[in-house]
Amino acid sequence: MHVPDGFINAPVSVATGAVAAAAVAVSLRGARRELGGDGLGGERTAPLAGLVAAFIFAVQMLNFPVAAGTSGHLLGGALAAILVGPYTGVLCVSVVLLMQGVLFADGGLTALGVNITDMAITTTVVAYLLFRGLVKVLPRKRRSITVASFVSALVSVPAAALVFTLIYALGGTADVSTGKVLTAMVGVHVLIGIGEAAITALTVGAVIAVRPDLVYGARGLSKPLELKVAPVAVPAAPGAPRTEPAAAAAPAAASEAAEAEPKSPAPAAAPRSTKRVWLAGVAAALVCAGGISYYASASPDGLEKVAHDQGIDKQEKDHAAKDSPLADYSVKDITDARLSGGLAGVIGVGATLAVGSGVFFVVRRRRDTDPAVTDERTPERV
């Protein structure tokens, strides 16, 4: 659903750019809290957020067929929001869109604000709000997280199609009725949403099965352990007066002893290493982008198909980076299609991982030095 240059006029492109910039600014601040929650140090969570961005980039290269002559690909907003949080999720998808536009000429540079508003903000916000609502009403089980992931991802894709139609209605450059665009966009993206839902649910389910503590959307799913003391019967001495049952006296004595004994805080469990998860995620991203992407559908995606059929693409302009060495996800001057596309995918994963991890490391460092955030996480001493 990458919108190219020329689809949307300049005033609306500038307005969506302002919306995107404001959302990214808010997300940078919100991500400071998400990147350090639940006892995981920022040095662990920041690389995971960068990994999510790289993984989304890789899976977006895997176009899958959805109808005759039409394909779809992952948008990633739901997946990012559930794995690392909504604010960090907006940043993850924004980093992916930036890398795609600058390095691979995918998505117009003047339309970057449109794409961030549509693909990063809309999908993340819609998916996460629906996800949280479903988690509250579903049973507190891991399976519920997977079900909620599927439904929220499914809905987020036609929601993005609806937002694109609204943006087109405000600033579309082609003389095509909004009703036709709405019907075509929502119709095909409902089908694409099924693929999005399957990928999101499978990925979230796989991470939960191995490390549920790393899934932001699953925080608080496990109930705290409760210590239960069974009453112990103590036989009374022969001839002693019978006052109260020994079974009742034992817990009372234990309670009094516990109150008299000074309480010491329980030792905090050391955070588990995320090295294996990180390595497995990087390997999966490299395999998807460097190998499986060769077998992706060559059919145009949903927006490209609708734009061609409805005549929206009549005003499309050439991308400013069309002569980039990596334009169209191929390495210039390498004639072998498999090698060219695979190498471009590997470079894209590496670049997205480096930029994404760098952004989140900076956000984490700002969190540690921000007095407001530091005061919030530091308990007040009495």
Protein backbone atom coordinates (compact mmCIF):
# COMPACT_ATOMS: atom_id res chain seq x y z
CA MET A 1 0.00 0.00 0.00
CA HIS A 2 2.95 2.31 -0.55
CA VAL A 3 1.58 5.53 -2.04
CA PRO A 4 3.87 6.92 -4.79
CA ASP A 5 4.52 10.55 -5.64
CA GLY A 6 1.73 12.26 -7.56
CA PHE A 7 -1.31 10.45 -6.17
CA ILE A 8 -2.01 13.14 -3.54
CA ASN A 9 -1.67 16.89 -4.11
CA ALA A 10 0.88 19.07 -2.32
CA PRO A 11 -1.35 20.69 0.37
CA VAL A 12 -2.70 17.36 1.64
CA SER A 13 0.77 15.79 1.42
CA VAL A 14 2.13 18.61 3.60
CA ALA A 15 -0.77 18.23 6.05
CA THR A 16 -0.25 14.48 6.41
CA GLY A 17 3.46 15.15 6.79
CA ALA A 18 2.68 17.40 9.75
CA VAL A 19 0.41 14.72 11.23
CA ALA A 20 3.12 12.12 10.77
CA ALA A 21 5.79 14.34 12.35
CA ALA A 22 3.58 15.04 15.37
CA ALA A 23 2.78 11.34 15.79
CA VAL A 24 6.45 10.38 15.58
CA ALA A 25 7.31 13.04 18.20
CA VAL A 26 4.64 11.69 20.55
CA SER A 27 5.78 8.13 19.89
CA LEU A 28 9.39 9.00 20.69
CA ARG A 29 8.30 10.11 24.14
CA GLY A 30 5.92 7.19 24.68
CA ALA A 31 8.55 4.69 23.58
CA ARG A 32 10.82 5.78 26.44
CA ARG A 33 8.51 4.03 28.88
CA GLU A 34 7.83 1.01 26.65
CA LEU A 35 11.51 0.30 26.10
CA GLY A 36 12.31 -0.15 29.77
CA GLY A 37 9.27 -1.79 31.30
CA ASP A 38 8.90 -4.92 33.39
CA GLY A 39 12.51 -5.14 34.54
CA LEU A 40 14.02 -5.53 31.09
CA GLY A 41 16.97 -3.20 30.60
CA GLY A 42 17.01 -0.91 27.61
CA GLU A 43 20.11 -2.63 26.36
CA ARG A 44 17.87 -5.68 25.81
CA THR A 45 14.64 -4.12 24.62
CA ALA A 46 16.17 -1.60 22.19
CA PRO A 47 17.75 -4.30 19.99
CA LEU A 48 14.46 -6.22 20.04
CA ALA A 49 12.59 -3.17 18.76
CA GLY A 50 15.18 -2.74 16.00
CA LEU A 51 14.78 -6.43 15.20
CA VAL A 52 11.00 -6.02 14.84
CA ALA A 53 11.57 -3.23 12.30
CA ALA A 54 14.03 -5.39 10.33
CA PHE A 55 11.65 -8.36 10.42
CA ILE A 56 8.75 -6.26 9.13
CA PHE A 57 10.94 -4.97 6.31
CA ALA A 58 11.87 -8.54 5.35
CA VAL A 59 8.32 -9.92 5.45
CA GLN A 60 6.99 -6.98 3.44
CA MET A 61 9.08 -8.33 0.55
CA LEU A 62 6.97 -11.51 0.55
CA ASN A 63 3.99 -10.55 -1.59
CA PHE A 64 1.31 -13.25 -1.52
CA PRO A 65 -1.50 -13.70 -4.09
CA VAL A 66 -4.98 -12.69 -2.92
CA ALA A 67 -7.00 -12.59 -6.16
CA ALA A 68 -6.53 -12.84 -9.89
CA GLY A 69 -3.67 -10.52 -10.79
CA THR A 70 -3.45 -9.00 -7.30
CA SER A 71 -1.10 -9.57 -4.37
CA GLY A 72 -0.70 -8.29 -0.85
CA HIS A 73 2.02 -7.93 1.74
CA LEU A 74 2.35 -7.38 5.45
CA LEU A 75 1.79 -3.84 6.72
CA GLY A 76 3.16 -4.69 10.15
CA GLY A 77 1.44 -2.17 12.41
CA ALA A 78 -0.44 -4.79 14.42
CA LEU A 79 2.60 -7.04 14.74
CA ALA A 80 4.83 -4.22 15.97
CA ALA A 81 2.28 -2.85 18.43
CA ILE A 82 1.66 -6.24 20.04
CA LEU A 83 5.33 -7.21 20.25
CA VAL A 84 6.92 -3.96 21.43
CA GLY A 85 4.07 -1.56 22.24
CA PRO A 86 2.01 0.97 20.25
CA TYR A 87 4.40 3.93 20.51
CA THR A 88 7.44 1.85 19.63
CA GLY A 89 5.36 0.14 16.95
CA VAL A 90 4.68 3.44 15.18
CA LEU A 91 8.42 4.12 15.18
CA CYS A 92 9.23 0.62 13.87
CA VAL A 93 6.95 0.91 10.84
CA SER A 94 8.06 4.52 10.24
CA VAL A 95 11.69 3.41 10.10
CA VAL A 96 10.75 0.69 7.60
CA LEU A 97 8.90 3.18 5.38
CA LEU A 98 11.80 5.62 5.52
CA MET A 99 14.33 2.98 4.50
CA GLN A 100 12.08 1.72 1.70
CA GLY A 101 11.53 5.20 0.31
CA VAL A 102 15.15 6.37 0.50
CA LEU A 103 17.02 3.20 -0.47
CA PHE A 104 14.59 1.22 -2.63
CA ALA A 105 12.38 3.89 -4.26
CA ASP A 106 9.32 2.21 -2.76
CA GLY A 107 6.77 4.80 -1.69
CA GLY A 108 7.13 8.42 -2.75
CA LEU A 109 9.34 10.82 -0.81
CA THR A 110 6.75 13.58 -1.04
CA ALA A 111 4.18 10.97 0.03
CA LEU A 112 6.17 9.83 3.07
CA GLY A 113 3.77 11.65 5.39
CA VAL A 114 0.83 9.94 3.68
CA ASN A 115 2.44 6.52 4.04
CA ILE A 116 3.38 7.01 7.71
CA THR A 117 -0.10 8.29 8.52
CA ASP A 118 -1.75 5.41 6.69
CA MET A 119 0.56 2.43 7.21
CA ALA A 120 2.27 3.24 10.52
CA ILE A 121 -0.17 5.31 12.57
CA THR A 122 -3.54 3.95 11.40
CA THR A 123 -2.65 0.26 11.48
CA THR A 124 -0.86 0.49 14.82
CA VAL A 125 -3.51 2.53 16.63
CA VAL A 126 -6.50 0.60 15.26
CA ALA A 127 -4.88 -2.78 15.87
CA TYR A 128 -3.69 -2.04 19.39
CA LEU A 129 -6.99 -0.53 20.57
CA LEU A 130 -8.90 -3.53 19.26
CA PHE A 131 -6.29 -5.91 20.65
CA ARG A 132 -6.54 -4.44 24.17
CA GLY A 133 -10.33 -4.57 24.05
CA LEU A 134 -10.33 -8.23 23.03
CA VAL A 135 -7.77 -9.21 25.65
CA LYS A 136 -9.98 -7.72 28.38
CA VAL A 137 -12.99 -9.85 27.43
CA LEU A 138 -11.23 -13.07 26.40
CA PRO A 139 -10.00 -15.67 28.93
CA ARG A 140 -6.59 -14.89 30.42
CA LYS A 141 -4.73 -17.47 28.36
CA ARG A 142 -1.91 -17.36 25.84
CA ARG A 143 -4.28 -18.57 23.15
CA SER A 144 -6.36 -15.44 23.68
CA ILE A 145 -3.34 -13.28 22.79
CA THR A 146 -3.00 -15.15 19.49
CA VAL A 147 -6.72 -14.84 18.73
CA ALA A 148 -6.70 -11.13 19.56
CA SER A 149 -3.62 -10.68 17.36
CA PHE A 150 -5.38 -12.32 14.41
CA VAL A 151 -8.55 -10.23 14.68
CA SER A 152 -6.78 -6.91 15.29
CA ALA A 153 -4.39 -7.43 12.37
CA LEU A 154 -7.27 -8.42 10.09
CA VAL A 155 -9.21 -5.23 10.87
CA SER A 156 -6.18 -2.93 10.66
CA VAL A 157 -5.64 -3.49 6.92
CA PRO A 158 -9.09 -2.41 5.60
CA ALA A 159 -8.90 0.42 8.16
CA ALA A 160 -5.74 1.62 6.40
CA ALA A 161 -7.54 1.30 3.05
CA LEU A 162 -10.36 3.43 4.44
CA VAL A 163 -7.92 6.11 5.61
CA PHE A 164 -6.21 6.16 2.22
CA THR A 165 -9.61 6.69 0.59
CA LEU A 166 -10.26 9.61 2.94
CA ILE A 167 -6.88 11.14 2.09
CA TYR A 168 -7.60 10.61 -1.60
CA ALA A 169 -11.01 12.28 -1.22
CA LEU A 170 -9.26 15.33 0.26
CA GLY A 171 -6.34 15.58 -2.12
CA GLY A 172 -6.51 13.01 -4.91
CA THR A 173 -5.06 14.23 -8.21
CA ALA A 174 -7.12 11.96 -10.48
CA ASP A 175 -10.74 12.52 -11.43
CA VAL A 176 -12.11 9.28 -10.01
CA SER A 177 -15.13 9.09 -7.71
CA THR A 178 -14.42 8.42 -4.05
CA GLY A 179 -17.11 5.74 -3.95
CA LYS A 180 -15.37 3.63 -6.59
CA VAL A 181 -12.02 3.98 -4.82
CA LEU A 182 -13.56 3.07 -1.46
CA THR A 183 -15.30 -0.04 -2.78
CA ALA A 184 -12.24 -1.29 -4.62
CA MET A 185 -9.73 -0.49 -1.86
CA VAL A 186 -11.68 -1.95 1.05
CA GLY A 187 -12.75 -5.01 -0.94
CA VAL A 188 -9.26 -6.13 -1.93
CA HIS A 189 -7.69 -5.16 1.41
CA VAL A 190 -10.11 -7.31 3.36
CA LEU A 191 -8.53 -10.24 1.53
CA ILE A 192 -5.04 -8.91 2.19
CA GLY A 193 -6.01 -8.52 5.83
CA ILE A 194 -6.48 -12.28 6.11
CA GLY A 195 -2.85 -12.79 5.11
CA GLU A 196 -1.77 -10.04 7.49
CA ALA A 197 -3.73 -11.69 10.30
CA ALA A 198 -2.20 -15.10 9.65
CA ILE A 199 1.37 -13.76 9.61
CA THR A 200 0.80 -11.68 12.75
CA ALA A 201 -0.86 -14.47 14.72
CA LEU A 202 1.79 -17.02 13.75
CA THR A 203 4.65 -14.68 14.68
CA VAL A 204 3.14 -13.58 17.99
CA GLY A 205 2.21 -17.16 18.83
CA ALA A 206 5.75 -18.34 18.10
CA VAL A 207 7.31 -15.69 20.35
CA ILE A 208 4.81 -16.36 23.15
CA ALA A 209 5.57 -20.09 22.99
CA VAL A 210 9.28 -19.41 23.55
CA ARG A 211 9.49 -16.13 25.49
CA PRO A 212 6.11 -14.71 26.55
CA ASP A 213 7.94 -12.16 28.71
CA LEU A 214 9.12 -10.41 25.52
CA VAL A 215 5.62 -9.79 24.13
CA TYR A 216 4.40 -6.35 25.18
CA GLY A 217 0.76 -7.26 24.61
CA ALA A 218 1.05 -10.27 26.94
CA ARG A 219 2.35 -8.34 29.94
CA GLY A 220 0.25 -9.05 33.02
CA LEU A 221 -1.16 -12.22 31.50
CA SER A 222 0.36 -14.49 34.18
CA LYS A 223 -1.19 -14.26 37.62
CA PRO A 224 1.14 -13.74 40.57
CA LEU A 225 1.89 -16.78 42.70
CA GLU A 226 -0.01 -17.04 45.99
CA LEU A 227 1.46 -18.74 49.05
CA LYS A 228 -1.13 -20.87 50.81
CA VAL A 229 -0.46 -22.33 54.26
CA ALA A 230 -2.37 -25.49 55.12
CA PRO A 231 -3.48 -25.80 58.76
CA VAL A 232 -1.53 -28.35 60.77
CA ALA A 233 -3.26 -30.23 63.60
CA VAL A 234 -1.25 -30.31 66.87
CA PRO A 235 -2.41 -32.93 69.42
CA ALA A 236 -3.16 -31.53 72.91
CA ALA A 237 -1.32 -32.90 75.94
CA PRO A 238 -3.31 -35.38 78.07
CA GLY A 239 -5.29 -33.61 80.77
CA ALA A 240 -4.61 -30.13 79.40
CA PRO A 241 -7.56 -27.73 79.25
CA ARG A 242 -9.07 -27.47 75.85
CA THR A 243 -9.17 -23.82 74.80
CA GLU A 244 -9.22 -23.49 71.00
CA PRO A 245 -8.70 -26.00 68.20
CA ALA A 246 -5.06 -26.63 67.50
CA ALA A 247 -5.75 -26.36 63.77
CA ALA A 248 -6.86 -22.77 64.25
CA ALA A 249 -4.08 -21.92 66.70
CA ALA A 250 -1.29 -23.00 64.33
CA PRO A 251 -2.08 -20.51 61.55
CA ALA A 252 -2.60 -17.77 64.12
CA ALA A 253 0.78 -18.45 65.67
CA ALA A 254 2.38 -18.53 62.26
CA SER A 255 0.74 -15.23 61.38
CA GLU A 256 1.98 -13.60 64.60
CA ALA A 257 5.48 -14.88 64.00
CA ALA A 258 5.42 -13.56 60.45
CA GLU A 259 4.33 -10.13 61.68
CA ALA A 260 7.04 -10.05 64.34
CA GLU A 261 9.78 -11.11 61.93
CA PRO A 262 11.25 -8.21 59.93
CA LYS A 263 10.27 -8.34 56.29
CA SER A 264 12.92 -8.26 53.58
CA PRO A 265 12.17 -7.73 49.89
CA ALA A 266 12.23 -10.85 47.76
CA PRO A 267 15.26 -11.03 45.50
CA ALA A 268 14.45 -9.91 41.96
CA ALA A 269 14.86 -12.55 39.30
CA ALA A 270 17.68 -11.84 36.90
CA PRO A 271 16.38 -10.95 33.43
CA ARG A 272 16.82 -13.72 30.90
CA SER A 273 19.12 -13.11 27.98
CA THR A 274 17.51 -12.20 24.66
CA LYS A 275 20.54 -13.18 22.60
CA ARG A 276 19.02 -16.38 21.22
CA VAL A 277 15.76 -14.66 20.32
CA TRP A 278 17.65 -11.83 18.65
CA LEU A 279 19.82 -14.20 16.61
CA ALA A 280 16.83 -16.32 15.60
CA GLY A 281 14.91 -13.21 14.54
CA VAL A 282 17.81 -11.87 12.47
CA ALA A 283 18.26 -15.26 10.82
CA ALA A 284 14.54 -15.43 9.96
CA ALA A 285 14.60 -11.91 8.50
CA LEU A 286 17.66 -12.69 6.38
CA VAL A 287 16.12 -15.92 5.09
CA CYS A 288 12.87 -14.15 4.17
CA ALA A 289 14.53 -11.17 2.46
CA GLY A 290 17.52 -12.96 0.99
CA GLY A 291 15.92 -16.19 -0.18
CA ILE A 292 12.16 -16.61 0.09
CA SER A 293 11.51 -13.17 -1.44
CA TYR A 294 12.59 -14.55 -4.83
CA TYR A 295 9.41 -16.65 -4.86
CA ALA A 296 7.08 -13.78 -3.88
CA SER A 297 4.17 -12.94 -6.15
CA ALA A 298 5.06 -10.58 -8.99
CA SER A 299 1.47 -9.30 -9.27
CA PRO A 300 0.80 -5.68 -8.26
CA ASP A 301 -0.32 -5.16 -4.69
CA GLY A 302 -3.77 -3.98 -3.72
CA LEU A 303 -3.18 -0.25 -4.13
CA GLU A 304 -1.27 -0.65 -7.40
CA LYS A 305 -4.04 -2.82 -8.84
CA VAL A 306 -6.82 -0.44 -7.79
CA ALA A 307 -4.85 2.58 -9.01
CA HIS A 308 -4.35 1.01 -12.42
CA ASP A 309 -7.92 -0.25 -12.79
CA GLN A 310 -9.52 3.02 -11.64
CA GLY A 311 -7.08 5.37 -13.35
CA ILE A 312 -5.66 6.88 -10.16
CA ASP A 313 -2.12 6.35 -11.41
CA LYS A 314 -2.48 8.78 -14.33
CA GLN A 315 -0.76 11.52 -12.30
CA GLU A 316 1.94 9.30 -10.82
CA LYS A 317 5.41 10.85 -10.88
CA ASP A 318 8.79 9.19 -11.11
CA HIS A 319 10.47 8.52 -7.79
CA ALA A 320 13.32 10.86 -6.90
CA ALA A 321 15.47 7.82 -6.08
CA LYS A 322 14.56 5.77 -9.16
CA ASP A 323 18.24 5.58 -10.11
CA SER A 324 19.29 4.37 -6.67
CA PRO A 325 21.65 1.35 -6.70
CA LEU A 326 18.95 -0.57 -4.82
CA ALA A 327 15.85 0.71 -6.62
CA ASP A 328 13.04 -1.83 -7.02
CA TYR A 329 14.75 -4.18 -4.53
CA SER A 330 17.58 -5.19 -6.85
CA VAL A 331 21.27 -4.38 -6.88
CA LYS A 332 22.33 -2.35 -9.88
CA ASP A 333 24.63 -4.02 -12.42
CA ILE A 334 23.95 -7.54 -11.09
CA THR A 335 22.17 -9.40 -13.88
CA ASP A 336 21.22 -12.54 -11.96
CA ALA A 337 17.71 -11.81 -10.63
CA ARG A 338 17.93 -14.20 -7.71
CA LEU A 339 21.29 -12.87 -6.55
CA SER A 340 20.37 -9.24 -7.16
CA GLY A 341 17.08 -9.41 -5.27
CA GLY A 342 18.48 -11.52 -2.44
CA LEU A 343 21.45 -9.24 -1.91
CA ALA A 344 19.21 -6.17 -1.92
CA GLY A 345 16.99 -7.81 0.69
CA VAL A 346 19.96 -8.65 2.91
CA ILE A 347 21.26 -5.08 2.62
CA GLY A 348 17.81 -3.76 3.47
CA VAL A 349 17.53 -5.96 6.56
CA GLY A 350 20.97 -4.88 7.74
CA ALA A 351 20.31 -1.19 7.13
CA THR A 352 16.88 -1.27 8.80
CA LEU A 353 18.27 -3.20 11.76
CA ALA A 354 21.12 -0.73 12.20
CA VAL A 355 18.98 2.40 11.88
CA GLY A 356 16.12 1.02 13.97
CA SER A 357 18.39 -0.21 16.77
CA GLY A 358 20.23 3.11 16.74
CA VAL A 359 17.00 5.08 17.08
CA PHE A 360 15.81 2.95 19.99
CA PHE A 361 19.17 3.08 21.75
CA VAL A 362 19.00 6.88 21.60
CA VAL A 363 15.41 6.84 22.87
CA ARG A 364 16.47 4.57 25.75
CA ARG A 365 19.39 6.82 26.64
CA ARG A 366 17.13 9.86 26.63
CA ARG A 367 14.84 7.93 28.97
CA ASP A 368 17.64 7.36 31.47
CA THR A 369 18.58 11.04 31.49
CA ASP A 370 15.05 12.48 31.50
CA PRO A 371 14.26 13.66 35.07
CA ALA A 372 10.51 13.35 34.52
CA VAL A 373 10.74 9.70 33.49
CA THR A 374 13.33 8.94 36.17
CA ASP A 375 11.09 10.42 38.87
CA GLU A 376 8.14 8.32 37.68
CA ARG A 377 10.01 5.05 38.02
CA THR A 378 11.78 5.91 41.31
CA PRO A 379 9.63 5.08 44.38
CA GLU A 380 9.25 7.86 46.90
CA ARG A 381 11.00 7.28 50.18
CA VAL A 382 9.09 7.86 53.39
